Amino acid sequence: MPSELIAQSPIEKRDDSRLLILDRKTGNIEHKHFSDIIDYLEKDDILVLNDTKVIPARLIGEKIDTKAVCEVLMLKEIDKDVWQCLTKPAKRIKLGTIINFSDKLKMECIEILDEGIRNFKLIYDGILYELLDTLGSMPLPPYIHKQLIDKDRYQTVYAKNIGSAAAPTAGLHFTQELLKKISDKGIKVVYITLHVGLGTFRPVNVEDVTKHKMHSEFYTMSKETADILNNHKKRIISVGTTSTRTLETIKSLYGTFKKCSGYTDIFIYPGYKFKAVDAQITNFHLPKSTLLMLVSAFATKELIFKAYHEAIVNKYRFFSFGDSMFIK
């Protein structure tokens, strides 16, 4: 993976990004731009988008006792004002450690977990998300070294339900104008929510993939979305691996779509039989990631590696701010 192909910043116009079309049946590959996606969607298709909103939850603070600098990434709220967080350097944060971020926000470590994860009790004055807007930065992946000038570029244009530790990046390519054109063509656009957490971007470090532990992530589906999906006439097209995992979780649990919410730790890798999704839009993923395994399960490892090779030869932009692929 040539490092110069890792996108460091978003493209100026969201739907000007490139789009690789991969046909699972024929193995044929086409090179387009994302705005061309409308030509590959048909009347009565259903496009499923994840409307989660990223929390600007990367915080830099200092320990009250020693003034040592600590970084905290808030992952998810597990109880009232109790958050599970990824910490760095984790060895500095013991039980009872208090980290100060401002005169309005502090955190006390109340539980130590594996892999640098800690549970913190939040102590704050005011409205938490307003404080995070002021104090926090977007939790960009570690391979992005450029500072993000506009926080909204790490949000989809339809982001609504706040709670994610990372963006559902396949959705970053849509504009409101493109979504309107898609709706006007007779394609139904529906929304689910999956709050992206640690499970999505943790690499697989075990030889036997069945031993890999997925962290659970919260999802929800409305009755309106469920009813539309249950009455679909053509394809269900998921936008991003997070939408895919949500749809497959619900269909696996209930055999149908229904109003529901819960936590999923579904891990999809080659051999998995898809129950809900007929096609998907997805970005190009990191090596050794569960996301690369998911798309390999959908289109076969051979086809995915062929597509990635073509993308590298054609100098596509990779990962979170990179280009995308439509697997049909």
Protein backbone atom coordinates (compact mmCIF):
# COMPACT_ATOMS: atom_id res chain seq x y z
CA MET A 1 0.00 0.00 0.00
CA PRO A 2 1.93 3.09 -1.21
CA SER A 3 1.83 5.67 1.59
CA GLU A 4 1.39 8.53 -0.90
CA LEU A 5 -2.07 7.13 -1.79
CA ILE A 6 -3.39 7.52 1.77
CA ALA A 7 -5.68 10.56 1.58
CA GLN A 8 -4.67 13.17 4.15
CA SER A 9 -7.56 15.56 3.60
CA PRO A 10 -11.04 15.50 2.06
CA ILE A 11 -11.49 16.34 -1.62
CA GLU A 12 -12.96 19.82 -2.20
CA LYS A 13 -16.34 18.64 -3.54
CA ARG A 14 -17.60 15.48 -1.89
CA ASP A 15 -19.03 13.74 -4.97
CA ASP A 16 -16.00 14.54 -7.17
CA SER A 17 -14.23 11.61 -5.52
CA ARG A 18 -13.54 8.59 -7.71
CA LEU A 19 -15.74 5.51 -7.78
CA LEU A 20 -14.65 2.00 -8.74
CA ILE A 21 -17.55 -0.16 -9.95
CA LEU A 22 -17.05 -3.87 -9.21
CA ASP A 23 -19.46 -6.40 -10.71
CA ARG A 24 -19.47 -9.54 -8.53
CA LYS A 25 -20.98 -11.72 -11.24
CA THR A 26 -18.60 -10.89 -14.09
CA GLY A 27 -15.56 -9.52 -12.23
CA ASN A 28 -15.74 -6.48 -14.52
CA ILE A 29 -14.29 -3.20 -13.17
CA GLU A 30 -15.18 0.34 -14.28
CA HIS A 31 -13.67 3.68 -13.21
CA LYS A 32 -16.08 6.54 -12.58
CA HIS A 33 -16.68 9.51 -10.26
CA PHE A 34 -18.97 9.30 -7.26
CA SER A 35 -21.59 11.57 -8.84
CA ASP A 36 -22.02 8.77 -11.44
CA ILE A 37 -23.43 6.44 -8.76
CA ILE A 38 -26.92 7.52 -9.79
CA ASP A 39 -26.44 5.73 -13.14
CA TYR A 40 -25.96 2.42 -11.29
CA LEU A 41 -29.01 2.78 -9.03
CA GLU A 42 -32.42 1.65 -10.29
CA LYS A 43 -35.96 2.73 -9.53
CA ASP A 44 -37.25 0.98 -6.37
CA ASP A 45 -33.75 0.21 -5.08
CA ILE A 46 -33.39 1.07 -1.39
CA LEU A 47 -30.31 2.97 -0.26
CA VAL A 48 -29.56 2.51 3.46
CA LEU A 49 -27.53 5.28 5.14
CA ASN A 50 -26.07 5.42 8.65
CA ASP A 51 -27.08 8.77 10.17
CA THR A 52 -24.74 8.61 13.17
CA LYS A 53 -22.91 11.82 14.08
CA VAL A 54 -19.28 11.89 15.21
CA ILE A 55 -18.49 13.33 18.63
CA PRO A 56 -15.45 15.67 18.63
CA ALA A 57 -14.23 13.37 21.37
CA ARG A 58 -10.44 13.45 21.19
CA LEU A 59 -9.36 15.36 24.29
CA ILE A 60 -5.93 16.41 25.57
CA GLY A 61 -5.70 17.00 29.31
CA GLU A 62 -3.33 16.65 32.23
CA LYS A 63 -3.33 14.58 35.40
CA ILE A 64 -4.25 16.75 38.38
CA ASP A 65 -1.50 15.27 40.60
CA THR A 66 1.53 15.18 38.27
CA LYS A 67 0.49 17.50 35.37
CA ALA A 68 1.45 14.70 32.96
CA VAL A 69 -0.25 15.13 29.57
CA CYS A 70 -2.81 12.46 28.61
CA GLU A 71 -4.93 11.86 25.51
CA VAL A 72 -8.45 10.46 25.83
CA LEU A 73 -10.74 9.28 23.03
CA MET A 74 -14.34 8.97 24.25
CA LEU A 75 -15.84 5.81 22.71
CA LYS A 76 -19.31 5.36 24.20
CA GLU A 77 -21.46 6.26 27.18
CA ILE A 78 -22.10 3.11 29.23
CA ASP A 79 -24.02 4.73 32.09
CA LYS A 80 -25.14 8.22 33.08
CA ASP A 81 -21.98 10.36 32.69
CA VAL A 82 -19.80 7.21 32.63
CA TRP A 83 -17.82 6.82 29.40
CA GLN A 84 -15.61 4.10 28.01
CA CYS A 85 -12.47 5.73 26.60
CA LEU A 86 -9.28 4.80 24.80
CA THR A 87 -6.32 6.38 26.60
CA LYS A 88 -2.72 7.25 25.73
CA PRO A 89 -0.35 6.60 27.41
CA ALA A 90 -2.57 4.11 29.25
CA LYS A 91 0.10 3.20 31.84
CA ARG A 92 -0.18 6.69 33.35
CA ILE A 93 -3.88 6.26 34.09
CA LYS A 94 -4.53 4.25 37.24
CA LEU A 95 -7.71 3.71 39.25
CA GLY A 96 -8.72 7.05 40.77
CA THR A 97 -6.64 9.17 38.35
CA ILE A 98 -8.31 12.51 37.65
CA ILE A 99 -7.62 14.23 34.32
CA ASN A 100 -8.32 17.93 33.94
CA PHE A 101 -9.37 19.25 30.50
CA SER A 102 -10.63 22.70 31.54
CA ASP A 103 -12.23 24.42 34.51
CA LYS A 104 -15.53 22.94 33.24
CA LEU A 105 -14.55 19.32 32.47
CA LYS A 106 -12.69 16.64 34.42
CA MET A 107 -12.70 12.84 34.30
CA GLU A 108 -12.01 10.30 37.05
CA CYS A 109 -10.86 6.77 36.16
CA ILE A 110 -13.22 4.28 37.83
CA GLU A 111 -12.32 1.05 36.00
CA ILE A 112 -9.29 -0.33 34.16
CA LEU A 113 -9.90 -2.56 31.12
CA ASP A 114 -7.61 -4.19 28.53
CA GLU A 115 -6.03 -2.62 25.42
CA GLY A 116 -5.67 0.88 26.90
CA ILE A 117 -9.38 1.22 27.60
CA ARG A 118 -10.59 2.90 30.78
CA ASN A 119 -14.00 3.79 32.18
CA PHE A 120 -14.30 7.36 33.43
CA LYS A 121 -16.84 9.27 35.52
CA LEU A 122 -17.31 12.70 33.94
CA ILE A 123 -17.41 15.78 36.14
CA TYR A 124 -18.56 18.88 34.24
CA ASP A 125 -20.51 22.14 34.27
CA GLY A 126 -22.90 22.86 31.40
CA ILE A 127 -23.99 20.75 28.42
CA LEU A 128 -21.49 17.99 27.64
CA TYR A 129 -21.70 18.10 23.83
CA GLU A 130 -21.30 21.88 23.83
CA LEU A 131 -18.16 21.48 25.94
CA LEU A 132 -16.81 18.83 23.55
CA ASP A 133 -17.44 21.14 20.58
CA THR A 134 -15.16 23.67 22.26
CA LEU A 135 -12.54 21.39 23.85
CA GLY A 136 -12.47 18.32 21.62
CA SER A 137 -11.12 17.58 18.17
CA MET A 138 -12.36 15.07 15.61
CA PRO A 139 -11.00 11.56 16.28
CA LEU A 140 -9.20 11.20 12.96
CA PRO A 141 -7.42 7.88 12.33
CA PRO A 142 -3.68 7.81 13.14
CA TYR A 143 -2.65 7.57 9.48
CA ILE A 144 -4.06 11.08 8.87
CA HIS A 145 -1.38 13.59 9.83
CA LYS A 146 -2.89 16.80 8.46
CA GLN A 147 -5.05 18.95 10.71
CA LEU A 148 -8.73 19.05 9.67
CA ILE A 149 -9.73 22.68 9.17
CA ASP A 150 -13.49 22.14 8.88
CA LYS A 151 -14.90 19.65 11.43
CA ASP A 152 -17.98 19.10 9.26
CA ARG A 153 -15.88 17.38 6.60
CA TYR A 154 -15.56 14.38 8.95
CA GLN A 155 -19.38 14.22 9.12
CA THR A 156 -21.83 13.03 6.49
CA VAL A 157 -24.26 15.69 5.26
CA TYR A 158 -27.10 13.67 6.83
CA ALA A 159 -25.42 13.08 10.23
CA LYS A 160 -28.10 13.40 12.90
CA ASN A 161 -27.77 11.10 15.93
CA ILE A 162 -24.66 11.98 17.93
CA GLY A 163 -22.64 9.12 19.37
CA SER A 164 -19.84 7.92 17.04
CA ALA A 165 -16.12 7.70 17.69
CA ALA A 166 -15.48 7.62 13.92
CA ALA A 167 -17.32 8.61 10.76
CA PRO A 168 -19.11 6.09 8.54
CA THR A 169 -16.77 7.15 5.77
CA ALA A 170 -18.58 5.66 2.74
CA GLY A 171 -21.28 8.26 3.34
CA LEU A 172 -18.87 11.20 3.16
CA HIS A 173 -19.17 11.26 -0.65
CA PHE A 174 -22.88 12.19 -0.72
CA THR A 175 -24.12 15.75 -1.13
CA GLN A 176 -27.67 16.95 -0.47
CA GLU A 177 -28.02 17.63 -4.21
CA LEU A 178 -26.98 14.08 -5.12
CA LEU A 179 -29.37 12.60 -2.54
CA LYS A 180 -32.22 14.63 -4.04
CA LYS A 181 -31.38 13.39 -7.56
CA ILE A 182 -31.35 9.82 -6.22
CA SER A 183 -34.77 10.27 -4.58
CA ASP A 184 -36.17 11.95 -7.71
CA LYS A 185 -35.16 8.87 -9.73
CA GLY A 186 -37.44 6.72 -7.57
CA ILE A 187 -34.79 5.22 -5.30
CA LYS A 188 -35.89 5.07 -1.66
CA VAL A 189 -33.43 6.52 0.85
CA VAL A 190 -33.75 5.24 4.42
CA TYR A 191 -31.69 5.67 7.58
CA ILE A 192 -30.42 3.42 10.33
CA THR A 193 -28.03 4.35 13.15
CA LEU A 194 -24.89 2.53 14.23
CA HIS A 195 -22.55 4.43 16.53
CA VAL A 196 -19.09 3.54 15.28
CA GLY A 197 -16.80 2.42 18.09
CA LEU A 198 -13.58 0.56 18.67
CA GLY A 199 -14.83 -2.63 17.01
CA THR A 200 -14.82 -1.08 13.56
CA PHE A 201 -11.20 0.06 13.43
CA ARG A 202 -9.31 -2.41 15.63
CA PRO A 203 -6.91 -4.49 13.45
CA VAL A 204 -7.02 -8.28 13.44
CA ASN A 205 -3.85 -9.48 15.20
CA VAL A 206 -4.61 -13.20 15.49
CA GLU A 207 -3.80 -15.98 13.03
CA ASP A 208 -7.19 -17.64 13.59
CA VAL A 209 -9.83 -15.00 12.73
CA THR A 210 -12.46 -16.77 14.84
CA LYS A 211 -10.41 -15.77 17.90
CA HIS A 212 -10.66 -12.04 17.10
CA LYS A 213 -12.79 -10.13 19.61
CA MET A 214 -15.16 -7.51 18.20
CA HIS A 215 -16.18 -4.67 20.53
CA SER A 216 -19.94 -4.10 20.56
CA GLU A 217 -21.55 -1.04 18.98
CA PHE A 218 -25.03 0.42 19.52
CA TYR A 219 -27.54 0.32 16.64
CA THR A 220 -31.16 1.28 16.12
CA MET A 221 -33.75 0.89 13.35
CA SER A 222 -37.05 2.75 13.13
CA LYS A 223 -40.40 1.18 12.21
CA GLU A 224 -40.55 3.36 9.09
CA THR A 225 -37.20 2.05 7.82
CA ALA A 226 -38.11 -1.55 8.72
CA ASP A 227 -41.44 -1.36 6.85
CA ILE A 228 -39.79 0.00 3.68
CA LEU A 229 -37.06 -2.67 3.79
CA ASN A 230 -39.57 -5.49 4.32
CA ASN A 231 -41.52 -4.36 1.24
CA HIS A 232 -38.52 -3.93 -1.05
CA LYS A 233 -39.03 -4.77 -4.72
CA LYS A 234 -35.43 -4.55 -5.87
CA ARG A 235 -32.04 -4.31 -4.21
CA ILE A 236 -31.14 -3.29 -0.68
CA ILE A 237 -27.93 -1.27 -1.04
CA SER A 238 -25.99 -0.49 2.12
CA VAL A 239 -23.79 2.58 2.32
CA GLY A 240 -20.74 1.54 4.30
CA THR A 241 -19.77 -1.48 6.33
CA THR A 242 -21.58 -0.03 9.38
CA SER A 243 -24.92 -0.11 7.53
CA THR A 244 -24.12 -3.62 6.28
CA ARG A 245 -23.36 -4.87 9.80
CA THR A 246 -26.57 -3.34 11.17
CA LEU A 247 -28.78 -4.83 8.46
CA GLU A 248 -27.15 -8.25 8.73
CA THR A 249 -27.41 -8.19 12.54
CA ILE A 250 -31.14 -7.44 12.52
CA LYS A 251 -31.96 -9.95 9.75
CA SER A 252 -29.90 -12.63 11.52
CA LEU A 253 -31.62 -12.01 14.86
CA TYR A 254 -35.24 -11.73 13.69
CA GLY A 255 -35.41 -13.16 10.17
CA THR A 256 -37.01 -9.86 9.12
CA PHE A 257 -36.59 -6.13 9.68
CA LYS A 258 -38.31 -4.55 12.66
CA LYS A 259 -38.16 -1.55 14.94
CA CYS A 260 -35.36 -2.43 17.35
CA SER A 261 -32.16 -1.32 19.02
CA GLY A 262 -29.31 -3.06 20.77
CA TYR A 263 -25.60 -3.80 20.60
CA THR A 264 -23.91 -5.76 17.86
CA ASP A 265 -20.50 -7.41 17.75
CA ILE A 266 -21.14 -9.22 14.47
CA PHE A 267 -17.91 -10.15 12.69
CA ILE A 268 -18.35 -10.85 8.97
CA TYR A 269 -15.53 -12.64 7.16
CA PRO A 270 -15.30 -15.01 4.14
CA GLY A 271 -17.72 -17.91 4.49
CA TYR A 272 -20.50 -15.69 5.83
CA LYS A 273 -23.83 -15.97 3.96
CA PHE A 274 -25.42 -12.53 3.50
CA LYS A 275 -29.09 -12.35 4.45
CA ALA A 276 -29.99 -8.68 3.92
CA VAL A 277 -27.66 -6.79 1.59
CA ASP A 278 -27.69 -7.07 -2.23
CA ALA A 279 -25.06 -4.42 -3.05
CA GLN A 280 -22.91 -2.00 -1.12
CA ILE A 281 -21.00 1.26 -1.39
CA THR A 282 -17.77 1.21 0.58
CA ASN A 283 -14.42 2.97 0.87
CA PHE A 284 -11.03 1.27 0.51
CA HIS A 285 -10.04 -0.28 3.82
CA LEU A 286 -6.90 -0.86 5.86
CA PRO A 287 -4.94 -4.11 5.54
CA LYS A 288 -5.65 -6.65 8.33
CA SER A 289 -8.96 -4.93 9.15
CA THR A 290 -12.34 -6.53 9.83
CA LEU A 291 -13.75 -4.18 7.16
CA LEU A 292 -11.51 -5.66 4.46
CA MET A 293 -12.70 -9.11 5.59
CA LEU A 294 -16.34 -8.02 5.34
CA VAL A 295 -16.06 -6.83 1.73
CA SER A 296 -14.03 -9.94 0.89
CA ALA A 297 -16.90 -12.04 2.23
CA PHE A 298 -19.28 -10.10 -0.02
CA ALA A 299 -17.31 -10.19 -3.28
CA THR A 300 -14.65 -12.90 -2.63
CA LYS A 301 -11.09 -12.17 -1.57
CA GLU A 302 -9.84 -12.66 -5.14
CA LEU A 303 -12.15 -10.00 -6.62
CA ILE A 304 -11.48 -7.52 -3.81
CA PHE A 305 -7.71 -7.88 -4.16
CA LYS A 306 -8.06 -7.49 -7.93
CA ALA A 307 -10.07 -4.28 -7.38
CA TYR A 308 -7.56 -2.94 -4.84
CA HIS A 309 -4.69 -3.67 -7.25
CA GLU A 310 -6.51 -1.73 -10.01
CA ALA A 311 -7.18 1.13 -7.57
CA ILE A 312 -3.47 1.33 -6.68
CA VAL A 313 -2.39 1.23 -10.34
CA ASN A 314 -4.91 4.00 -11.11
CA LYS A 315 -3.77 6.03 -8.08
CA TYR A 316 -7.06 6.09 -6.19
CA ARG A 317 -7.04 7.83 -2.81
CA PHE A 318 -7.32 5.37 0.08
CA PHE A 319 -8.98 5.07 3.51
CA SER A 320 -11.19 7.54 5.42
CA PHE A 321 -10.87 10.61 3.16
CA GLY A 322 -10.26 8.50 0.07
CA ASP A 323 -12.28 7.25 -2.89
CA SER A 324 -14.97 4.59 -2.91
CA MET A 325 -16.22 1.42 -4.55
CA PHE A 326 -19.68 0.17 -5.53
CA ILE A 327 -19.89 -3.62 -5.26
CA LYS A 328 -22.93 -4.83 -7.19
